[in-house]
Amino acid sequence: EEFIARGWDECLAVLDRLDAALRALDYEADPCLATGQGWIAEEAFAT
């Protein structure tokens, strides 16, 4: 349970960043600046 919770906690953290990006949408800015560059799984999902 401790193992898998670490993964979900990182997903929940990037969902916080996604929520913030959607509250103040910037159509001109690179989305990666808000939710990450996507090389890692949770950032690819969020971006």
PDB file of all heavy atoms in Angstrom:
ATOM      1  N   GLU A   1       0.829  -1.214   0.000  1.00  0.00           N
ATOM      2  CA  GLU A   1       0.000   0.000   0.000  1.00  0.00           C
ATOM      3  C   GLU A   1       0.860   1.261   0.000  1.00  0.00           C
ATOM      4  O   GLU A   1       0.550   2.244  -0.676  1.00  0.00           O
ATOM      5  CB  GLU A   1      -0.928  -0.014   1.208  1.00  0.00           C
ATOM      6  CG  GLU A   1      -2.013  -1.073   1.164  1.00  0.00           C
ATOM      7  CD  GLU A   1      -1.520  -2.464   1.539  1.00  0.00           C
ATOM      8  OE1 GLU A   1      -0.402  -2.586   2.104  1.00  0.00           O
ATOM      9  OE2 GLU A   1      -2.241  -3.442   1.272  1.00  0.00           O
ATOM     10  N   GLU A   2       1.952   1.221   0.760  1.00  0.00           N
ATOM     11  CA  GLU A   2       2.863   2.370   0.768  1.00  0.00           C
ATOM     12  C   GLU A   2       3.497   2.561  -0.603  1.00  0.00           C
ATOM     13  O   GLU A   2       3.658   3.690  -1.085  1.00  0.00           O
ATOM     14  CB  GLU A   2       3.950   2.149   1.816  1.00  0.00           C
ATOM     15  CG  GLU A   2       4.969   3.288   1.885  1.00  0.00           C
ATOM     16  CD  GLU A   2       6.116   3.005   2.851  1.00  0.00           C
ATOM     17  OE1 GLU A   2       5.972   2.100   3.710  1.00  0.00           O
ATOM     18  OE2 GLU A   2       7.160   3.682   2.734  1.00  0.00           O
ATOM     19  N   PHE A   3       3.845   1.460  -1.250  1.00  0.00           N
ATOM     20  CA  PHE A   3       4.450   1.513  -2.587  1.00  0.00           C
ATOM     21  C   PHE A   3       3.519   2.194  -3.581  1.00  0.00           C
ATOM     22  O   PHE A   3       3.884   3.174  -4.233  1.00  0.00           O
ATOM     23  CB  PHE A   3       4.766   0.086  -3.042  1.00  0.00           C
ATOM     24  CG  PHE A   3       5.151  -0.042  -4.495  1.00  0.00           C
ATOM     25  CD1 PHE A   3       6.439   0.235  -4.914  1.00  0.00           C
ATOM     26  CD2 PHE A   3       4.220  -0.467  -5.442  1.00  0.00           C
ATOM     27  CE1 PHE A   3       6.801   0.095  -6.258  1.00  0.00           C
ATOM     28  CE2 PHE A   3       4.560  -0.606  -6.783  1.00  0.00           C
ATOM     29  CZ  PHE A   3       5.865  -0.327  -7.191  1.00  0.00           C
ATOM     30  N   ILE A   4       2.292   1.705  -3.696  1.00  0.00           N
ATOM     31  CA  ILE A   4       1.406   2.239  -4.729  1.00  0.00           C
ATOM     32  C   ILE A   4       0.928   3.644  -4.378  1.00  0.00           C
ATOM     33  O   ILE A   4       0.694   4.468  -5.280  1.00  0.00           O
ATOM     34  CB  ILE A   4       0.225   1.289  -4.987  1.00  0.00           C
ATOM     35  CG1 ILE A   4      -0.408   1.585  -6.349  1.00  0.00           C
ATOM     36  CG2 ILE A   4      -0.801   1.326  -3.873  1.00  0.00           C
ATOM     37  CD1 ILE A   4       0.506   1.351  -7.535  1.00  0.00           C
ATOM     38  N   ALA A   5       0.828   3.964  -3.092  1.00  0.00           N
ATOM     39  CA  ALA A   5       0.410   5.313  -2.696  1.00  0.00           C
ATOM     40  C   ALA A   5       1.398   6.365  -3.196  1.00  0.00           C
ATOM     41  O   ALA A   5       0.993   7.489  -3.534  1.00  0.00           O
ATOM     42  CB  ALA A   5       0.276   5.402  -1.177  1.00  0.00           C
ATOM     43  N   ARG A   6       2.665   6.013  -3.260  1.00  0.00           N
ATOM     44  CA  ARG A   6       3.647   6.981  -3.772  1.00  0.00           C
ATOM     45  C   ARG A   6       3.339   7.360  -5.218  1.00  0.00           C
ATOM     46  O   ARG A   6       3.498   8.516  -5.614  1.00  0.00           O
ATOM     47  CB  ARG A   6       5.058   6.393  -3.660  1.00  0.00           C
ATOM     48  CG  ARG A   6       5.520   6.202  -2.223  1.00  0.00           C
ATOM     49  CD  ARG A   6       6.990   5.823  -2.137  1.00  0.00           C
ATOM     50  NE  ARG A   6       7.418   5.661  -0.743  1.00  0.00           N
ATOM     51  CZ  ARG A   6       8.685   5.575  -0.353  1.00  0.00           C
ATOM     52  NH1 ARG A   6       9.660   5.630  -1.253  1.00  0.00           N
ATOM     53  NH2 ARG A   6       8.988   5.427   0.922  1.00  0.00           N
ATOM     54  N   GLY A   7       2.908   6.391  -5.990  1.00  0.00           N
ATOM     55  CA  GLY A   7       2.549   6.691  -7.370  1.00  0.00           C
ATOM     56  C   GLY A   7       1.314   7.556  -7.478  1.00  0.00           C
ATOM     57  O   GLY A   7       1.271   8.526  -8.250  1.00  0.00           O
ATOM     58  N   TRP A   8       0.288   7.226  -6.698  1.00  0.00           N
ATOM     59  CA  TRP A   8      -0.938   8.016  -6.756  1.00  0.00           C
ATOM     60  C   TRP A   8      -0.722   9.417  -6.218  1.00  0.00           C
ATOM     61  O   TRP A   8      -1.330  10.382  -6.714  1.00  0.00           O
ATOM     62  CB  TRP A   8      -2.061   7.303  -5.999  1.00  0.00           C
ATOM     63  CG  TRP A   8      -2.593   6.132  -6.772  1.00  0.00           C
ATOM     64  CD1 TRP A   8      -2.452   4.815  -6.475  1.00  0.00           C
ATOM     65  CD2 TRP A   8      -3.334   6.182  -7.995  1.00  0.00           C
ATOM     66  NE1 TRP A   8      -3.061   4.035  -7.425  1.00  0.00           N
ATOM     67  CE2 TRP A   8      -3.616   4.846  -8.366  1.00  0.00           C
ATOM     68  CE3 TRP A   8      -3.797   7.213  -8.803  1.00  0.00           C
ATOM     69  CZ2 TRP A   8      -4.331   4.530  -9.530  1.00  0.00           C
ATOM     70  CZ3 TRP A   8      -4.519   6.894  -9.952  1.00  0.00           C
ATOM     71  CH2 TRP A   8      -4.774   5.570 -10.304  1.00  0.00           C
ATOM     72  N   ASP A   9       0.142   9.567  -5.233  1.00  0.00           N
ATOM     73  CA  ASP A   9       0.413  10.908  -4.709  1.00  0.00           C
ATOM     74  C   ASP A   9       1.058  11.792  -5.772  1.00  0.00           C
ATOM     75  O   ASP A   9       0.758  12.994  -5.864  1.00  0.00           O
ATOM     76  CB  ASP A   9       1.317  10.824  -3.471  1.00  0.00           C
ATOM     77  CG  ASP A   9       0.568  10.333  -2.241  1.00  0.00           C
ATOM     78  OD1 ASP A   9      -0.679  10.303  -2.270  1.00  0.00           O
ATOM     79  OD2 ASP A   9       1.237   9.965  -1.251  1.00  0.00           O
ATOM     80  N   GLU A  10       1.929  11.221  -6.581  1.00  0.00           N
ATOM     81  CA  GLU A  10       2.531  12.023  -7.654  1.00  0.00           C
ATOM     82  C   GLU A  10       1.488  12.356  -8.720  1.00  0.00           C
ATOM     83  O   GLU A  10       1.518  13.464  -9.293  1.00  0.00           O
ATOM     84  CB  GLU A  10       3.720  11.282  -8.261  1.00  0.00           C
ATOM     85  CG  GLU A  10       4.907  11.199  -7.313  1.00  0.00           C
ATOM     86  CD  GLU A  10       6.217  10.880  -7.998  1.00  0.00           C
ATOM     87  OE1 GLU A  10       6.214  10.243  -9.075  1.00  0.00           O
ATOM     88  OE2 GLU A  10       7.263  11.276  -7.457  1.00  0.00           O
ATOM     89  N   CYS A  11       0.573  11.445  -8.979  1.00  0.00           N
ATOM     90  CA  CYS A  11      -0.505  11.755  -9.916  1.00  0.00           C
ATOM     91  C   CYS A  11      -1.423  12.847  -9.377  1.00  0.00           C
ATOM     92  O   CYS A  11      -1.831  13.758 -10.113  1.00  0.00           O
ATOM     93  CB  CYS A  11      -1.317  10.495 -10.218  1.00  0.00           C
ATOM     94  SG  CYS A  11      -0.464   9.297 -11.268  1.00  0.00           S
ATOM     95  N   LEU A  12      -1.745  12.780  -8.099  1.00  0.00           N
ATOM     96  CA  LEU A  12      -2.587  13.810  -7.496  1.00  0.00           C
ATOM     97  C   LEU A  12      -1.885  15.170  -7.520  1.00  0.00           C
ATOM     98  O   LEU A  12      -2.525  16.205  -7.727  1.00  0.00           O
ATOM     99  CB  LEU A  12      -2.958  13.420  -6.066  1.00  0.00           C
ATOM    100  CG  LEU A  12      -4.006  12.302  -5.971  1.00  0.00           C
ATOM    101  CD1 LEU A  12      -4.031  11.710  -4.568  1.00  0.00           C
ATOM    102  CD2 LEU A  12      -5.391  12.836  -6.340  1.00  0.00           C
ATOM    103  N   ALA A  13      -0.575  15.171  -7.341  1.00  0.00           N
ATOM    104  CA  ALA A  13       0.170  16.436  -7.381  1.00  0.00           C
ATOM    105  C   ALA A  13       0.106  17.061  -8.772  1.00  0.00           C
ATOM    106  O   ALA A  13      -0.064  18.282  -8.917  1.00  0.00           O
ATOM    107  CB  ALA A  13       1.617  16.209  -6.955  1.00  0.00           C
ATOM    108  N   VAL A  14       0.237  16.241  -9.819  1.00  0.00           N
ATOM    109  CA  VAL A  14       0.182  16.812 -11.162  1.00  0.00           C
ATOM    110  C   VAL A  14      -1.243  17.210 -11.521  1.00  0.00           C
ATOM    111  O   VAL A  14      -1.456  18.144 -12.314  1.00  0.00           O
ATOM    112  CB  VAL A  14       0.791  15.844 -12.203  1.00  0.00           C
ATOM    113  CG1 VAL A  14      -0.214  14.802 -12.690  1.00  0.00           C
ATOM    114  CG2 VAL A  14       1.367  16.601 -13.399  1.00  0.00           C
ATOM    115  N   LEU A  15      -2.252  16.560 -10.928  1.00  0.00           N
ATOM    116  CA  LEU A  15      -3.630  17.009 -11.129  1.00  0.00           C
ATOM    117  C   LEU A  15      -3.846  18.392 -10.522  1.00  0.00           C
ATOM    118  O   LEU A  15      -4.628  19.198 -11.053  1.00  0.00           O
ATOM    119  CB  LEU A  15      -4.613  16.006 -10.540  1.00  0.00           C
ATOM    120  CG  LEU A  15      -4.791  14.691 -11.299  1.00  0.00           C
ATOM    121  CD1 LEU A  15      -5.747  13.770 -10.557  1.00  0.00           C
ATOM    122  CD2 LEU A  15      -5.291  14.946 -12.723  1.00  0.00           C
ATOM    123  N   ASP A  16      -3.165  18.690  -9.424  1.00  0.00           N
ATOM    124  CA  ASP A  16      -3.225  20.040  -8.867  1.00  0.00           C
ATOM    125  C   ASP A  16      -2.695  21.053  -9.875  1.00  0.00           C
ATOM    126  O   ASP A  16      -3.268  22.147 -10.050  1.00  0.00           O
ATOM    127  CB  ASP A  16      -2.410  20.126  -7.580  1.00  0.00           C
ATOM    128  CG  ASP A  16      -3.042  19.392  -6.409  1.00  0.00           C
ATOM    129  OD1 ASP A  16      -4.261  19.123  -6.465  1.00  0.00           O
ATOM    130  OD2 ASP A  16      -2.317  19.090  -5.439  1.00  0.00           O
ATOM    131  N   ARG A  17      -1.601  20.704 -10.533  1.00  0.00           N
ATOM    132  CA  ARG A  17      -1.023  21.604 -11.542  1.00  0.00           C
ATOM    133  C   ARG A  17      -1.963  21.747 -12.740  1.00  0.00           C
ATOM    134  O   ARG A  17      -2.103  22.845 -13.311  1.00  0.00           O
ATOM    135  CB  ARG A  17       0.342  21.070 -11.979  1.00  0.00           C
ATOM    136  CG  ARG A  17       1.389  21.117 -10.875  1.00  0.00           C
ATOM    137  CD  ARG A  17       2.572  20.207 -11.150  1.00  0.00           C
ATOM    138  NE  ARG A  17       3.303  20.584 -12.350  1.00  0.00           N
ATOM    139  CZ  ARG A  17       4.301  19.864 -12.858  1.00  0.00           C
ATOM    140  NH1 ARG A  17       4.670  18.732 -12.267  1.00  0.00           N
ATOM    141  NH2 ARG A  17       4.940  20.277 -13.941  1.00  0.00           N
ATOM    142  N   LEU A  18      -2.616  20.666 -13.101  1.00  0.00           N
ATOM    143  CA  LEU A  18      -3.580  20.728 -14.207  1.00  0.00           C
ATOM    144  C   LEU A  18      -4.765  21.618 -13.846  1.00  0.00           C
ATOM    145  O   LEU A  18      -5.203  22.448 -14.655  1.00  0.00           O
ATOM    146  CB  LEU A  18      -4.055  19.312 -14.546  1.00  0.00           C
ATOM    147  CG  LEU A  18      -5.131  19.187 -15.621  1.00  0.00           C
ATOM    148  CD1 LEU A  18      -4.685  19.787 -16.944  1.00  0.00           C
ATOM    149  CD2 LEU A  18      -5.517  17.715 -15.804  1.00  0.00           C
ATOM    150  N   ASP A  19      -5.274  21.474 -12.642  1.00  0.00           N
ATOM    151  CA  ASP A  19      -6.379  22.333 -12.199  1.00  0.00           C
ATOM    152  C   ASP A  19      -5.987  23.807 -12.267  1.00  0.00           C
ATOM    153  O   ASP A  19      -6.766  24.650 -12.731  1.00  0.00           O
ATOM    154  CB  ASP A  19      -6.782  21.975 -10.770  1.00  0.00           C
ATOM    155  CG  ASP A  19      -7.596  20.696 -10.682  1.00  0.00           C
ATOM    156  OD1 ASP A  19      -8.173  20.292 -11.706  1.00  0.00           O
ATOM    157  OD2 ASP A  19      -7.648  20.103  -9.590  1.00  0.00           O
ATOM    158  N   ALA A  20      -4.782  24.117 -11.801  1.00  0.00           N
ATOM    159  CA  ALA A  20      -4.317  25.506 -11.819  1.00  0.00           C
ATOM    160  C   ALA A  20      -4.204  26.027 -13.249  1.00  0.00           C
ATOM    161  O   ALA A  20      -4.575  27.178 -13.535  1.00  0.00           O
ATOM    162  CB  ALA A  20      -2.968  25.611 -11.103  1.00  0.00           C
ATOM    163  N   ALA A  21      -3.716  25.192 -14.157  1.00  0.00           N
ATOM    164  CA  ALA A  21      -3.575  25.611 -15.548  1.00  0.00           C
ATOM    165  C   ALA A  21      -4.940  25.881 -16.186  1.00  0.00           C
ATOM    166  O   ALA A  21      -5.099  26.834 -16.955  1.00  0.00           O
ATOM    167  CB  ALA A  21      -2.825  24.541 -16.338  1.00  0.00           C
ATOM    168  N   LEU A  22      -5.925  25.068 -15.856  1.00  0.00           N
ATOM    169  CA  LEU A  22      -7.252  25.233 -16.444  1.00  0.00           C
ATOM    170  C   LEU A  22      -7.992  26.436 -15.869  1.00  0.00           C
ATOM    171  O   LEU A  22      -8.846  27.024 -16.537  1.00  0.00           O
ATOM    172  CB  LEU A  22      -8.071  23.960 -16.245  1.00  0.00           C
ATOM    173  CG  LEU A  22      -7.602  22.753 -17.066  1.00  0.00           C
ATOM    174  CD1 LEU A  22      -8.290  21.480 -16.613  1.00  0.00           C
ATOM    175  CD2 LEU A  22      -7.839  22.988 -18.563  1.00  0.00           C
ATOM    176  N   ARG A  23      -7.663  26.802 -14.637  1.00  0.00           N
ATOM    177  CA  ARG A  23      -8.294  27.995 -14.046  1.00  0.00           C
ATOM    178  C   ARG A  23      -7.779  29.275 -14.687  1.00  0.00           C
ATOM    179  O   ARG A  23      -8.482  30.297 -14.678  1.00  0.00           O
ATOM    180  CB  ARG A  23      -8.042  28.030 -12.538  1.00  0.00           C
ATOM    181  CG  ARG A  23      -8.878  27.036 -11.740  1.00  0.00           C
ATOM    182  CD  ARG A  23      -8.858  27.377 -10.258  1.00  0.00           C
ATOM    183  NE  ARG A  23      -7.509  27.348  -9.706  1.00  0.00           N
ATOM    184  CZ  ARG A  23      -6.925  26.266  -9.169  1.00  0.00           C
ATOM    185  NH1 ARG A  23      -7.596  25.113  -9.123  1.00  0.00           N
ATOM    186  NH2 ARG A  23      -5.713  26.327  -8.678  1.00  0.00           N
ATOM    187  N   ALA A  24      -6.581  29.239 -15.223  1.00  0.00           N
ATOM    188  CA  ALA A  24      -5.981  30.431 -15.831  1.00  0.00           C
ATOM    189  C   ALA A  24      -5.373  30.045 -17.171  1.00  0.00           C
ATOM    190  O   ALA A  24      -4.162  30.115 -17.376  1.00  0.00           O
ATOM    191  CB  ALA A  24      -4.930  31.021 -14.906  1.00  0.00           C
ATOM    192  N   LEU A  25      -6.228  29.607 -18.092  1.00  0.00           N
ATOM    193  CA  LEU A  25      -5.740  29.088 -19.368  1.00  0.00           C
ATOM    194  C   LEU A  25      -4.948  30.139 -20.138  1.00  0.00           C
ATOM    195  O   LEU A  25      -5.397  31.275 -20.313  1.00  0.00           O
ATOM    196  CB  LEU A  25      -6.910  28.611 -20.220  1.00  0.00           C
ATOM    197  CG  LEU A  25      -7.312  27.136 -20.068  1.00  0.00           C
ATOM    198  CD1 LEU A  25      -8.513  26.837 -20.947  1.00  0.00           C
ATOM    199  CD2 LEU A  25      -6.153  26.218 -20.408  1.00  0.00           C
ATOM    200  N   ASP A  26      -3.780  29.736 -20.599  1.00  0.00           N
ATOM    201  CA  ASP A  26      -2.940  30.589 -21.434  1.00  0.00           C
ATOM    202  C   ASP A  26      -2.740  29.866 -22.757  1.00  0.00           C
ATOM    203  O   ASP A  26      -1.952  28.924 -22.848  1.00  0.00           O
ATOM    204  CB  ASP A  26      -1.595  30.838 -20.740  1.00  0.00           C
ATOM    205  CG  ASP A  26      -0.725  31.833 -21.496  1.00  0.00           C
ATOM    206  OD1 ASP A  26      -0.993  32.069 -22.691  1.00  0.00           O
ATOM    207  OD2 ASP A  26       0.228  32.363 -20.885  1.00  0.00           O
ATOM    208  N   TYR A  27      -3.460  30.294 -23.766  1.00  0.00           N
ATOM    209  CA  TYR A  27      -3.434  29.591 -25.046  1.00  0.00           C
ATOM    210  C   TYR A  27      -2.141  29.836 -25.820  1.00  0.00           C
ATOM    211  O   TYR A  27      -1.852  29.123 -26.782  1.00  0.00           O
ATOM    212  CB  TYR A  27      -4.642  30.004 -25.897  1.00  0.00           C
ATOM    213  CG  TYR A  27      -5.946  29.479 -25.354  1.00  0.00           C
ATOM    214  CD1 TYR A  27      -6.707  30.236 -24.462  1.00  0.00           C
ATOM    215  CD2 TYR A  27      -6.416  28.225 -25.715  1.00  0.00           C
ATOM    216  CE1 TYR A  27      -7.904  29.754 -23.953  1.00  0.00           C
ATOM    217  CE2 TYR A  27      -7.617  27.735 -25.216  1.00  0.00           C
ATOM    218  CZ  TYR A  27      -8.341  28.505 -24.332  1.00  0.00           C
ATOM    219  OH  TYR A  27      -9.535  28.017 -23.818  1.00  0.00           O
ATOM    220  N   GLU A  28      -1.374  30.811 -25.406  1.00  0.00           N
ATOM    221  CA  GLU A  28      -0.132  31.131 -26.107  1.00  0.00           C
ATOM    222  C   GLU A  28       1.074  30.423 -25.493  1.00  0.00           C
ATOM    223  O   GLU A  28       2.062  30.161 -26.183  1.00  0.00           O
ATOM    224  CB  GLU A  28       0.108  32.649 -26.090  1.00  0.00           C
ATOM    225  CG  GLU A  28      -1.007  33.458 -26.743  1.00  0.00           C
ATOM    226  CD  GLU A  28      -1.217  33.073 -28.200  1.00  0.00           C
ATOM    227  OE1 GLU A  28      -0.201  32.846 -28.902  1.00  0.00           O
ATOM    228  OE2 GLU A  28      -2.376  32.986 -28.634  1.00  0.00           O
ATOM    229  N   ALA A  29       1.008  30.098 -24.215  1.00  0.00           N
ATOM    230  CA  ALA A  29       2.160  29.519 -23.525  1.00  0.00           C
ATOM    231  C   ALA A  29       2.286  28.026 -23.815  1.00  0.00           C
ATOM    232  O   ALA A  29       1.297  27.336 -24.074  1.00  0.00           O
ATOM    233  CB  ALA A  29       2.040  29.751 -22.021  1.00  0.00           C
ATOM    234  N   ASP A  30       3.499  27.540 -23.763  1.00  0.00           N
ATOM    235  CA  ASP A  30       3.765  26.116 -23.899  1.00  0.00           C
ATOM    236  C   ASP A  30       3.075  25.361 -22.757  1.00  0.00           C
ATOM    237  O   ASP A  30       3.346  25.626 -21.588  1.00  0.00           O
ATOM    238  CB  ASP A  30       5.283  25.900 -23.835  1.00  0.00           C
ATOM    239  CG  ASP A  30       5.704  24.446 -23.902  1.00  0.00           C
ATOM    240  OD1 ASP A  30       4.836  23.572 -24.088  1.00  0.00           O
ATOM    241  OD2 ASP A  30       6.920  24.194 -23.767  1.00  0.00           O
ATOM    242  N   PRO A  31       2.171  24.418 -23.052  1.00  0.00           N
ATOM    243  CA  PRO A  31       1.504  23.667 -21.976  1.00  0.00           C
ATOM    244  C   PRO A  31       2.474  22.962 -21.033  1.00  0.00           C
ATOM    245  O   PRO A  31       2.143  22.717 -19.866  1.00  0.00           O
ATOM    246  CB  PRO A  31       0.637  22.661 -22.738  1.00  0.00           C
ATOM    247  CG  PRO A  31       0.377  23.305 -24.049  1.00  0.00           C
ATOM    248  CD  PRO A  31       1.636  24.053 -24.373  1.00  0.00           C
ATOM    249  N   CYS A  32       3.643  22.622 -21.519  1.00  0.00           N
ATOM    250  CA  CYS A  32       4.638  21.949 -20.675  1.00  0.00           C
ATOM    251  C   CYS A  32       5.051  22.803 -19.486  1.00  0.00           C
ATOM    252  O   CYS A  32       5.475  22.264 -18.449  1.00  0.00           O
ATOM    253  CB  CYS A  32       5.873  21.582 -21.485  1.00  0.00           C
ATOM    254  SG  CYS A  32       5.599  20.288 -22.718  1.00  0.00           S
ATOM    255  N   LEU A  33       4.938  24.113 -19.617  1.00  0.00           N
ATOM    256  CA  LEU A  33       5.287  24.995 -18.504  1.00  0.00           C
ATOM    257  C   LEU A  33       4.333  24.809 -17.334  1.00  0.00           C
ATOM    258  O   LEU A  33       4.701  25.045 -16.179  1.00  0.00           O
ATOM    259  CB  LEU A  33       5.280  26.453 -18.956  1.00  0.00           C
ATOM    260  CG  LEU A  33       6.291  26.828 -20.048  1.00  0.00           C
ATOM    261  CD1 LEU A  33       6.086  28.276 -20.479  1.00  0.00           C
ATOM    262  CD2 LEU A  33       7.720  26.596 -19.575  1.00  0.00           C
ATOM    263  N   ALA A  34       3.126  24.372 -17.621  1.00  0.00           N
ATOM    264  CA  ALA A  34       2.113  24.203 -16.573  1.00  0.00           C
ATOM    265  C   ALA A  34       2.140  22.813 -15.965  1.00  0.00           C
ATOM    266  O   ALA A  34       2.064  22.661 -14.739  1.00  0.00           O
ATOM    267  CB  ALA A  34       0.719  24.498 -17.141  1.00  0.00           C
ATOM    268  N   THR A  35       2.261  21.789 -16.809  1.00  0.00           N
ATOM    269  CA  THR A  35       2.061  20.416 -16.315  1.00  0.00           C
ATOM    270  C   THR A  35       3.218  19.479 -16.617  1.00  0.00           C
ATOM    271  O   THR A  35       3.124  18.285 -16.348  1.00  0.00           O
ATOM    272  CB  THR A  35       0.764  19.830 -16.897  1.00  0.00           C
ATOM    273  OG1 THR A  35       0.698  20.122 -18.307  1.00  0.00           O
ATOM    274  CG2 THR A  35      -0.456  20.432 -16.211  1.00  0.00           C
ATOM    275  N   GLY A  36       4.297  20.000 -17.148  1.00  0.00           N
ATOM    276  CA  GLY A  36       5.486  19.182 -17.336  1.00  0.00           C
ATOM    277  C   GLY A  36       5.702  18.760 -18.777  1.00  0.00           C
ATOM    278  O   GLY A  36       4.797  18.801 -19.609  1.00  0.00           O
ATOM    279  N   GLN A  37       6.927  18.334 -19.054  1.00  0.00           N
ATOM    280  CA  GLN A  37       7.345  18.066 -20.428  1.00  0.00           C
ATOM    281  C   GLN A  37       6.946  16.693 -20.955  1.00  0.00           C
ATOM    282  O   GLN A  37       7.131  16.407 -22.132  1.00  0.00           O
ATOM    283  CB  GLN A  37       8.860  18.247 -20.565  1.00  0.00           C
ATOM    284  CG  GLN A  37       9.298  19.692 -20.404  1.00  0.00           C
ATOM    285  CD  GLN A  37      10.753  19.879 -20.804  1.00  0.00           C
ATOM    286  OE1 GLN A  37      11.623  19.090 -20.418  1.00  0.00           O
ATOM    287  NE2 GLN A  37      11.019  20.904 -21.589  1.00  0.00           N
ATOM    288  N   GLY A  38       6.417  15.848 -20.093  1.00  0.00           N
ATOM    289  CA  GLY A  38       5.856  14.607 -20.588  1.00  0.00           C
ATOM    290  C   GLY A  38       6.821  13.446 -20.739  1.00  0.00           C
ATOM    291  O   GLY A  38       6.406  12.365 -21.186  1.00  0.00           O
ATOM    292  N   TRP A  39       8.061  13.606 -20.351  1.00  0.00           N
ATOM    293  CA  TRP A  39       8.980  12.469 -20.428  1.00  0.00           C
ATOM    294  C   TRP A  39       8.630  11.413 -19.384  1.00  0.00           C
ATOM    295  O   TRP A  39       8.944  10.234 -19.554  1.00  0.00           O
ATOM    296  CB  TRP A  39      10.420  12.942 -20.229  1.00  0.00           C
ATOM    297  CG  TRP A  39      10.839  14.017 -21.181  1.00  0.00           C
ATOM    298  CD1 TRP A  39      11.067  15.327 -20.882  1.00  0.00           C
ATOM    299  CD2 TRP A  39      11.070  13.887 -22.587  1.00  0.00           C
ATOM    300  NE1 TRP A  39      11.419  16.022 -22.012  1.00  0.00           N
ATOM    301  CE2 TRP A  39      11.440  15.167 -23.064  1.00  0.00           C
ATOM    302  CE3 TRP A  39      10.998  12.818 -23.481  1.00  0.00           C
ATOM    303  CZ2 TRP A  39      11.722  15.393 -24.411  1.00  0.00           C
ATOM    304  CZ3 TRP A  39      11.295  13.049 -24.824  1.00  0.00           C
ATOM    305  CH2 TRP A  39      11.654  14.318 -25.269  1.00  0.00           C
ATOM    306  N   ILE A  40       7.976  11.839 -18.318  1.00  0.00           N
ATOM    307  CA  ILE A  40       7.550  10.913 -17.274  1.00  0.00           C
ATOM    308  C   ILE A  40       6.039  10.768 -17.310  1.00  0.00           C
ATOM    309  O   ILE A  40       5.323  11.648 -17.783  1.00  0.00           O
ATOM    310  CB  ILE A  40       8.048  11.357 -15.882  1.00  0.00           C
ATOM    311  CG1 ILE A  40       7.652  12.796 -15.581  1.00  0.00           C
ATOM    312  CG2 ILE A  40       9.557  11.191 -15.775  1.00  0.00           C
ATOM    313  CD1 ILE A  40       8.075  13.280 -14.196  1.00  0.00           C
ATOM    314  N   ALA A  41       5.579   9.632 -16.791  1.00  0.00           N
ATOM    315  CA  ALA A  41       4.214   9.188 -17.071  1.00  0.00           C
ATOM    316  C   ALA A  41       3.146  10.159 -16.597  1.00  0.00           C
ATOM    317  O   ALA A  41       2.204  10.474 -17.333  1.00  0.00           O
ATOM    318  CB  ALA A  41       3.990   7.810 -16.456  1.00  0.00           C
ATOM    319  N   GLU A  42       3.252  10.635 -15.344  1.00  0.00           N
ATOM    320  CA  GLU A  42       2.183  11.484 -14.831  1.00  0.00           C
ATOM    321  C   GLU A  42       2.126  12.819 -15.561  1.00  0.00           C
ATOM    322  O   GLU A  42       1.053  13.399 -15.755  1.00  0.00           O
ATOM    323  CB  GLU A  42       2.322  11.689 -13.314  1.00  0.00           C
ATOM    324  CG  GLU A  42       3.415  12.648 -12.863  1.00  0.00           C
ATOM    325  CD  GLU A  42       4.775  12.001 -12.696  1.00  0.00           C
ATOM    326  OE1 GLU A  42       5.053  10.998 -13.386  1.00  0.00           O
ATOM    327  OE2 GLU A  42       5.580  12.505 -11.878  1.00  0.00           O
ATOM    328  N   GLU A  43       3.280  13.330 -16.019  1.00  0.00           N
ATOM    329  CA  GLU A  43       3.293  14.594 -16.745  1.00  0.00           C
ATOM    330  C   GLU A  43       2.774  14.416 -18.169  1.00  0.00           C
ATOM    331  O   GLU A  43       2.092  15.303 -18.699  1.00  0.00           O
ATOM    332  CB  GLU A  43       4.693  15.190 -16.740  1.00  0.00           C
ATOM    333  CG  GLU A  43       5.136  15.676 -15.363  1.00  0.00           C
ATOM    334  CD  GLU A  43       6.471  16.385 -15.387  1.00  0.00           C
ATOM    335  OE1 GLU A  43       7.138  16.387 -16.457  1.00  0.00           O
ATOM    336  OE2 GLU A  43       6.860  16.945 -14.337  1.00  0.00           O
ATOM    337  N   ALA A  44       3.079  13.283 -18.799  1.00  0.00           N
ATOM    338  CA  ALA A  44       2.526  13.020 -20.132  1.00  0.00           C
ATOM    339  C   ALA A  44       1.005  12.969 -20.068  1.00  0.00           C
ATOM    340  O   ALA A  44       0.310  13.540 -20.921  1.00  0.00           O
ATOM    341  CB  ALA A  44       3.089  11.716 -20.684  1.00  0.00           C
ATOM    342  N   PHE A  45       0.490  12.293 -19.058  1.00  0.00           N
ATOM    343  CA  PHE A  45      -0.963  12.232 -18.880  1.00  0.00           C
ATOM    344  C   PHE A  45      -1.547  13.635 -18.716  1.00  0.00           C
ATOM    345  O   PHE A  45      -2.499  14.011 -19.413  1.00  0.00           O
ATOM    346  CB  PHE A  45      -1.311  11.375 -17.663  1.00  0.00           C
ATOM    347  CG  PHE A  45      -2.736  11.526 -17.221  1.00  0.00           C
ATOM    348  CD1 PHE A  45      -3.761  10.935 -17.922  1.00  0.00           C
ATOM    349  CD2 PHE A  45      -3.055  12.293 -16.105  1.00  0.00           C
ATOM    350  CE1 PHE A  45      -5.095  11.093 -17.528  1.00  0.00           C
ATOM    351  CE2 PHE A  45      -4.365  12.457 -15.702  1.00  0.00           C
ATOM    352  CZ  PHE A  45      -5.395  11.856 -16.418  1.00  0.00           C
ATOM    353  N   ALA A  46      -1.001  14.411 -17.791  1.00  0.00           N
ATOM    354  CA  ALA A  46      -1.581  15.712 -17.475  1.00  0.00           C
ATOM    355  C   ALA A  46      -1.455  16.689 -18.639  1.00  0.00           C
ATOM    356  O   ALA A  46      -2.408  17.431 -18.935  1.00  0.00           O
ATOM    357  CB  ALA A  46      -0.912  16.289 -16.228  1.00  0.00           C
ATOM    358  N   THR A  47      -0.322  16.702 -19.319  1.00  0.00           N
ATOM    359  CA  THR A  47      -0.138  17.644 -20.421  1.00  0.00           C
ATOM    360  C   THR A  47      -0.969  17.222 -21.629  1.00  0.00           C
ATOM    361  O   THR A  47      -1.545  18.066 -22.324  1.00  0.00           O
ATOM    362  CB  THR A  47       1.349  17.766 -20.781  1.00  0.00           C
ATOM    363  OG1 THR A  47       2.092  18.133 -19.604  1.00  0.00           O
ATOM    364  CG2 THR A  47       1.578  18.832 -21.836  1.00  0.00           C
TER     365      THR A  47
END
